N, C-alpha and C. Protein backbone atom coordinates (compact mmCIF):
# COMPACT_ATOMS: atom_id res chain seq x y z
N VAL A 1 74.76 81.55 162.59
CA VAL A 1 75.34 80.80 161.48
C VAL A 1 74.55 81.07 160.20
N GLU A 2 73.24 81.16 160.32
CA GLU A 2 72.39 81.44 159.18
C GLU A 2 72.76 82.79 158.54
N TYR A 3 73.00 83.80 159.38
CA TYR A 3 73.35 85.12 158.88
C TYR A 3 74.71 85.12 158.20
N ILE A 4 75.64 84.34 158.72
CA ILE A 4 76.97 84.26 158.11
C ILE A 4 76.86 83.64 156.72
N ALA A 5 76.06 82.61 156.58
CA ALA A 5 75.86 81.98 155.27
C ALA A 5 75.23 82.97 154.30
N LEU A 6 74.25 83.73 154.76
CA LEU A 6 73.60 84.73 153.91
C LEU A 6 74.60 85.82 153.52
N LEU A 7 75.38 86.28 154.47
CA LEU A 7 76.39 87.29 154.20
C LEU A 7 77.41 86.78 153.18
N ASN A 8 77.87 85.55 153.35
CA ASN A 8 78.81 84.95 152.40
C ASN A 8 78.20 84.85 151.01
N GLU A 9 76.95 84.45 150.95
CA GLU A 9 76.26 84.32 149.66
C GLU A 9 76.19 85.67 148.95
N ARG A 10 75.83 86.70 149.68
CA ARG A 10 75.74 88.04 149.08
C ARG A 10 77.11 88.55 148.65
N LEU A 11 78.11 88.31 149.48
CA LEU A 11 79.46 88.75 149.14
C LEU A 11 79.95 88.04 147.88
N HIS A 12 79.73 86.74 147.79
CA HIS A 12 80.13 86.01 146.59
C HIS A 12 79.40 86.53 145.36
N SER A 13 78.14 86.87 145.51
CA SER A 13 77.37 87.41 144.40
C SER A 13 77.96 88.73 143.91
N VAL A 14 78.29 89.60 144.85
CA VAL A 14 78.86 90.91 144.50
C VAL A 14 80.22 90.75 143.83
N LEU A 15 81.00 89.81 144.30
CA LEU A 15 82.36 89.64 143.80
C LEU A 15 82.48 88.62 142.67
N SER A 16 81.35 88.11 142.21
CA SER A 16 81.42 87.11 141.14
C SER A 16 82.09 87.71 139.92
N GLU A 17 82.79 86.88 139.19
CA GLU A 17 83.56 87.36 138.05
C GLU A 17 82.68 88.04 137.01
N GLU A 18 81.50 87.49 136.77
CA GLU A 18 80.61 88.07 135.76
C GLU A 18 80.22 89.50 136.12
N ARG A 19 79.84 89.72 137.35
CA ARG A 19 79.46 91.07 137.77
C ARG A 19 80.66 92.00 137.71
N TYR A 20 81.81 91.53 138.14
CA TYR A 20 83.02 92.34 138.10
C TYR A 20 83.35 92.71 136.66
N THR A 21 83.29 91.71 135.78
CA THR A 21 83.58 91.95 134.37
C THR A 21 82.60 92.95 133.78
N ASP A 22 81.31 92.80 134.10
CA ASP A 22 80.31 93.74 133.60
C ASP A 22 80.59 95.15 134.11
N PHE A 23 80.98 95.26 135.37
CA PHE A 23 81.25 96.58 135.93
C PHE A 23 82.42 97.24 135.21
N ILE A 24 83.48 96.52 134.97
CA ILE A 24 84.67 97.10 134.34
C ILE A 24 84.47 97.30 132.85
N TRP A 25 84.02 96.27 132.15
CA TRP A 25 83.98 96.29 130.70
C TRP A 25 82.62 96.64 130.10
N GLY A 26 81.59 96.71 130.93
CA GLY A 26 80.26 97.03 130.42
C GLY A 26 80.18 98.45 129.89
N GLU A 27 79.16 98.74 129.11
CA GLU A 27 79.05 100.06 128.49
C GLU A 27 78.94 101.20 129.49
N ASP A 28 78.52 100.90 130.71
CA ASP A 28 78.45 101.93 131.74
C ASP A 28 79.62 101.85 132.72
N GLY A 29 80.58 100.96 132.45
CA GLY A 29 81.76 100.84 133.30
C GLY A 29 82.72 102.00 133.07
N PRO A 30 83.69 102.16 133.93
CA PRO A 30 84.60 103.31 133.84
C PRO A 30 85.43 103.35 132.57
N LEU A 31 85.62 102.22 131.89
CA LEU A 31 86.41 102.23 130.67
C LEU A 31 85.63 102.67 129.44
N TRP A 32 84.31 102.58 129.50
CA TRP A 32 83.51 102.87 128.31
C TRP A 32 82.49 103.99 128.47
N THR A 33 82.11 104.31 129.69
CA THR A 33 81.03 105.28 129.87
C THR A 33 81.37 106.65 129.28
N ARG A 34 80.35 107.31 128.80
CA ARG A 34 80.48 108.69 128.34
C ARG A 34 79.72 109.62 129.31
N ALA A 35 79.37 109.09 130.46
CA ALA A 35 78.52 109.82 131.41
C ALA A 35 79.15 111.11 131.90
N TYR A 36 80.47 111.18 131.89
CA TYR A 36 81.13 112.37 132.43
C TYR A 36 81.62 113.31 131.33
N ALA A 37 81.25 113.06 130.10
CA ALA A 37 81.84 113.78 128.97
C ALA A 37 81.19 115.13 128.68
N GLU A 38 80.41 115.62 129.58
CA GLU A 38 79.78 116.92 129.34
C GLU A 38 79.98 117.82 130.54
N ASN A 39 79.91 119.09 130.30
CA ASN A 39 80.06 120.07 131.37
C ASN A 39 78.67 120.56 131.77
N SER A 40 78.03 119.80 132.63
CA SER A 40 76.70 120.16 133.08
C SER A 40 76.64 120.01 134.59
N PRO A 41 75.74 120.72 135.25
CA PRO A 41 75.61 120.56 136.70
C PRO A 41 75.32 119.11 137.10
N GLU A 42 74.51 118.42 136.31
CA GLU A 42 74.16 117.03 136.62
C GLU A 42 75.40 116.13 136.54
N ALA A 43 76.18 116.28 135.48
CA ALA A 43 77.39 115.47 135.33
C ALA A 43 78.37 115.77 136.46
N CYS A 44 78.50 117.04 136.82
CA CYS A 44 79.42 117.41 137.90
C CYS A 44 78.95 116.86 139.25
N ASP A 45 77.64 116.79 139.45
CA ASP A 45 77.13 116.18 140.69
C ASP A 45 77.55 114.71 140.77
N VAL A 46 77.44 114.00 139.65
CA VAL A 46 77.84 112.59 139.62
C VAL A 46 79.34 112.46 139.85
N VAL A 47 80.11 113.32 139.20
CA VAL A 47 81.57 113.29 139.38
C VAL A 47 81.92 113.50 140.85
N ARG A 48 81.30 114.49 141.48
CA ARG A 48 81.58 114.75 142.90
C ARG A 48 81.21 113.55 143.78
N GLU A 49 80.10 112.90 143.44
CA GLU A 49 79.68 111.73 144.21
C GLU A 49 80.70 110.59 144.06
N VAL A 50 81.14 110.35 142.84
CA VAL A 50 82.14 109.30 142.60
C VAL A 50 83.44 109.63 143.33
N LEU A 51 83.88 110.87 143.23
CA LEU A 51 85.12 111.27 143.90
C LEU A 51 85.01 111.11 145.41
N ALA A 52 83.87 111.48 145.97
CA ALA A 52 83.67 111.33 147.42
C ALA A 52 83.70 109.86 147.81
N THR A 53 83.06 109.02 147.02
CA THR A 53 83.05 107.58 147.29
C THR A 53 84.46 107.00 147.27
N LEU A 54 85.27 107.48 146.35
CA LEU A 54 86.63 106.96 146.20
C LEU A 54 87.65 107.73 147.04
N ASN A 55 87.18 108.73 147.77
CA ASN A 55 88.08 109.58 148.55
C ASN A 55 89.17 110.17 147.66
N ALA A 56 88.75 110.66 146.50
CA ALA A 56 89.66 111.24 145.51
C ALA A 56 89.28 112.69 145.28
N THR A 57 90.17 113.44 144.70
CA THR A 57 89.90 114.86 144.45
C THR A 57 89.77 115.20 142.98
N ARG A 58 90.20 114.29 142.12
CA ARG A 58 90.18 114.60 140.69
C ARG A 58 90.05 113.31 139.89
N MET A 59 89.35 113.40 138.75
CA MET A 59 89.23 112.27 137.83
C MET A 59 89.84 112.69 136.50
N VAL A 60 90.79 111.90 136.02
CA VAL A 60 91.40 112.14 134.71
C VAL A 60 90.89 111.03 133.81
N LYS A 61 90.24 111.41 132.72
CA LYS A 61 89.55 110.43 131.91
C LYS A 61 89.92 110.56 130.44
N GLY A 62 90.18 109.43 129.84
CA GLY A 62 90.36 109.33 128.40
C GLY A 62 89.12 108.69 127.80
N HIS A 63 89.22 108.32 126.55
CA HIS A 63 88.16 107.61 125.84
C HIS A 63 86.90 108.46 125.62
N ASP A 64 87.05 109.76 125.72
CA ASP A 64 85.99 110.71 125.37
C ASP A 64 86.64 111.73 124.45
N PRO A 65 86.82 111.41 123.17
CA PRO A 65 87.59 112.30 122.30
C PRO A 65 87.04 113.73 122.29
N GLN A 66 87.96 114.66 122.44
CA GLN A 66 87.64 116.07 122.31
C GLN A 66 88.02 116.45 120.88
N TRP A 67 87.02 116.52 120.02
CA TRP A 67 87.27 116.61 118.58
C TRP A 67 87.93 117.91 118.16
N ASP A 68 87.91 118.91 119.01
CA ASP A 68 88.63 120.14 118.67
C ASP A 68 90.12 120.04 119.00
N GLY A 69 90.54 118.90 119.58
CA GLY A 69 91.95 118.68 119.88
C GLY A 69 92.43 119.29 121.18
N ASP A 70 91.54 119.88 121.94
CA ASP A 70 91.91 120.51 123.21
C ASP A 70 91.36 119.71 124.38
N ALA A 71 92.23 119.39 125.34
CA ALA A 71 91.79 118.73 126.57
C ALA A 71 90.87 119.69 127.33
N LYS A 72 90.01 119.16 128.17
CA LYS A 72 89.03 119.98 128.90
C LYS A 72 89.16 119.78 130.40
N SER A 73 88.89 120.85 131.13
CA SER A 73 88.81 120.81 132.58
C SER A 73 87.40 121.25 132.95
N TYR A 74 86.65 120.35 133.56
CA TYR A 74 85.27 120.63 133.96
C TYR A 74 85.12 120.46 135.47
N CYS A 75 84.00 120.87 135.96
CA CYS A 75 83.63 120.67 137.37
C CYS A 75 84.69 121.27 138.31
N ASP A 76 85.06 122.51 138.03
CA ASP A 76 86.06 123.22 138.85
C ASP A 76 87.37 122.45 138.94
N GLY A 77 87.79 121.86 137.84
CA GLY A 77 89.06 121.15 137.80
C GLY A 77 89.02 119.74 138.36
N GLN A 78 87.84 119.26 138.73
CA GLN A 78 87.73 117.91 139.28
C GLN A 78 87.63 116.84 138.20
N LEU A 79 87.25 117.22 137.00
CA LEU A 79 87.14 116.29 135.88
C LEU A 79 87.99 116.80 134.73
N LEU A 80 88.94 115.98 134.30
CA LEU A 80 89.81 116.34 133.19
C LEU A 80 89.61 115.33 132.07
N LEU A 81 89.19 115.81 130.92
CA LEU A 81 89.01 114.97 129.75
C LEU A 81 90.22 115.19 128.85
N ILE A 82 91.08 114.18 128.77
CA ILE A 82 92.38 114.38 128.12
C ILE A 82 92.53 113.65 126.79
N ASP A 83 91.47 113.03 126.30
CA ASP A 83 91.55 112.35 125.01
C ASP A 83 91.41 113.40 123.91
N THR A 84 92.52 113.75 123.29
CA THR A 84 92.51 114.78 122.25
C THR A 84 92.51 114.18 120.85
N ALA A 85 92.17 112.91 120.75
CA ALA A 85 92.12 112.21 119.46
C ALA A 85 93.47 112.31 118.75
N MET A 86 94.55 112.08 119.50
CA MET A 86 95.89 112.24 118.93
C MET A 86 96.38 111.01 118.18
N SER A 87 95.63 109.94 118.20
CA SER A 87 96.03 108.75 117.46
C SER A 87 96.04 109.03 115.96
N VAL A 88 97.02 108.48 115.29
CA VAL A 88 97.09 108.64 113.83
C VAL A 88 95.81 108.09 113.19
N GLY A 89 95.17 107.15 113.83
CA GLY A 89 93.95 106.57 113.30
C GLY A 89 92.82 107.57 113.14
N PHE A 90 92.83 108.64 113.90
CA PHE A 90 91.78 109.65 113.78
C PHE A 90 91.99 110.56 112.57
N GLU A 91 93.22 110.89 112.28
CA GLU A 91 93.52 111.87 111.23
C GLU A 91 94.12 111.23 109.98
N ASP A 92 94.73 110.04 110.15
CA ASP A 92 95.49 109.39 109.09
C ASP A 92 96.60 110.31 108.59
N ASP A 93 97.12 111.12 109.50
CA ASP A 93 98.16 112.09 109.17
C ASP A 93 99.00 112.30 110.43
N ARG A 94 100.24 111.84 110.40
CA ARG A 94 101.09 111.90 111.60
C ARG A 94 101.25 113.32 112.11
N ARG A 95 101.47 114.29 111.25
CA ARG A 95 101.67 115.68 111.70
C ARG A 95 100.42 116.24 112.38
N ALA A 96 99.28 115.95 111.81
CA ALA A 96 98.03 116.42 112.43
C ALA A 96 97.86 115.77 113.80
N SER A 97 98.19 114.50 113.90
CA SER A 97 98.09 113.81 115.19
C SER A 97 99.07 114.39 116.20
N GLU A 98 100.27 114.69 115.78
CA GLU A 98 101.28 115.25 116.69
C GLU A 98 100.84 116.60 117.25
N ARG A 99 100.11 117.38 116.48
CA ARG A 99 99.63 118.68 116.97
C ARG A 99 98.60 118.52 118.09
N ARG A 100 98.03 117.33 118.20
CA ARG A 100 97.05 117.06 119.25
C ARG A 100 97.69 116.49 120.52
N LEU A 101 98.99 116.23 120.49
CA LEU A 101 99.69 115.72 121.66
C LEU A 101 99.52 116.69 122.82
N VAL A 102 99.15 116.16 123.98
CA VAL A 102 98.89 117.02 125.14
C VAL A 102 99.61 116.47 126.37
N ALA A 103 100.10 117.38 127.18
CA ALA A 103 100.67 117.03 128.48
C ALA A 103 99.82 117.71 129.54
N LEU A 104 99.59 117.02 130.64
CA LEU A 104 98.77 117.53 131.73
C LEU A 104 99.66 117.88 132.91
N GLU A 105 99.47 119.08 133.43
CA GLU A 105 100.12 119.47 134.68
C GLU A 105 99.02 119.83 135.66
N ALA A 106 99.02 119.15 136.80
CA ALA A 106 97.98 119.38 137.80
C ALA A 106 98.61 119.50 139.18
N SER A 107 98.06 120.41 139.97
CA SER A 107 98.51 120.53 141.35
C SER A 107 97.95 119.37 142.15
N THR A 108 98.59 119.05 143.26
CA THR A 108 98.09 117.94 144.08
C THR A 108 96.87 118.34 144.89
N GLY A 109 96.60 119.60 144.98
CA GLY A 109 95.40 120.08 145.67
C GLY A 109 94.84 121.27 144.93
N GLY A 110 93.58 121.52 145.11
CA GLY A 110 92.97 122.66 144.44
C GLY A 110 92.57 122.35 143.02
N ALA A 111 92.14 123.39 142.33
CA ALA A 111 91.58 123.22 140.99
C ALA A 111 92.56 123.58 139.88
N GLU A 112 93.79 123.94 140.22
CA GLU A 112 94.72 124.37 139.18
C GLU A 112 95.17 123.22 138.30
N VAL A 113 94.94 123.37 137.02
CA VAL A 113 95.44 122.43 136.02
C VAL A 113 95.85 123.22 134.80
N SER A 114 96.78 122.67 134.06
CA SER A 114 97.12 123.29 132.78
C SER A 114 97.45 122.19 131.79
N PHE A 115 97.23 122.50 130.55
CA PHE A 115 97.52 121.57 129.47
C PHE A 115 98.57 122.21 128.57
N ALA A 116 99.54 121.44 128.16
CA ALA A 116 100.58 121.93 127.25
C ALA A 116 100.51 121.11 125.97
N TYR A 117 100.69 121.79 124.87
CA TYR A 117 100.65 121.17 123.55
C TYR A 117 102.02 121.40 122.91
N PRO A 118 102.99 120.53 123.18
CA PRO A 118 104.38 120.80 122.82
C PRO A 118 104.67 120.85 121.32
N LEU A 119 103.84 120.28 120.49
CA LEU A 119 104.14 120.25 119.07
C LEU A 119 103.24 121.16 118.24
N ARG A 120 102.56 122.07 118.90
CA ARG A 120 101.76 123.05 118.16
C ARG A 120 102.63 124.26 117.83
N PRO A 121 102.39 124.83 116.66
CA PRO A 121 103.18 126.02 116.29
C PRO A 121 102.87 127.20 117.20
């Protein structure tokens, strides 16, 4: 009975709203982190670890603007950075923003990915 109480206490601690909120919305949470925004062996190691933990094969991530307007494929296609700063707020020019519009095509397996920019000349 003592162990069950301890287990319940730990589980409640892990699932407490504050910790959950910090995990999601904190600066190192998946919505804000910039930890995967580089193409380095260290970043790819972390990406592979996260993917293995989640039993996933690919991570598609926004909120890491690619200032050259081109989406990126890193870590042998396992990490896709698709934020091309296409919001009008970045350029204050609708046409410039439209040229940054990107579509992602990815295979369900393997590393094949392609990006299409439908409004570029």
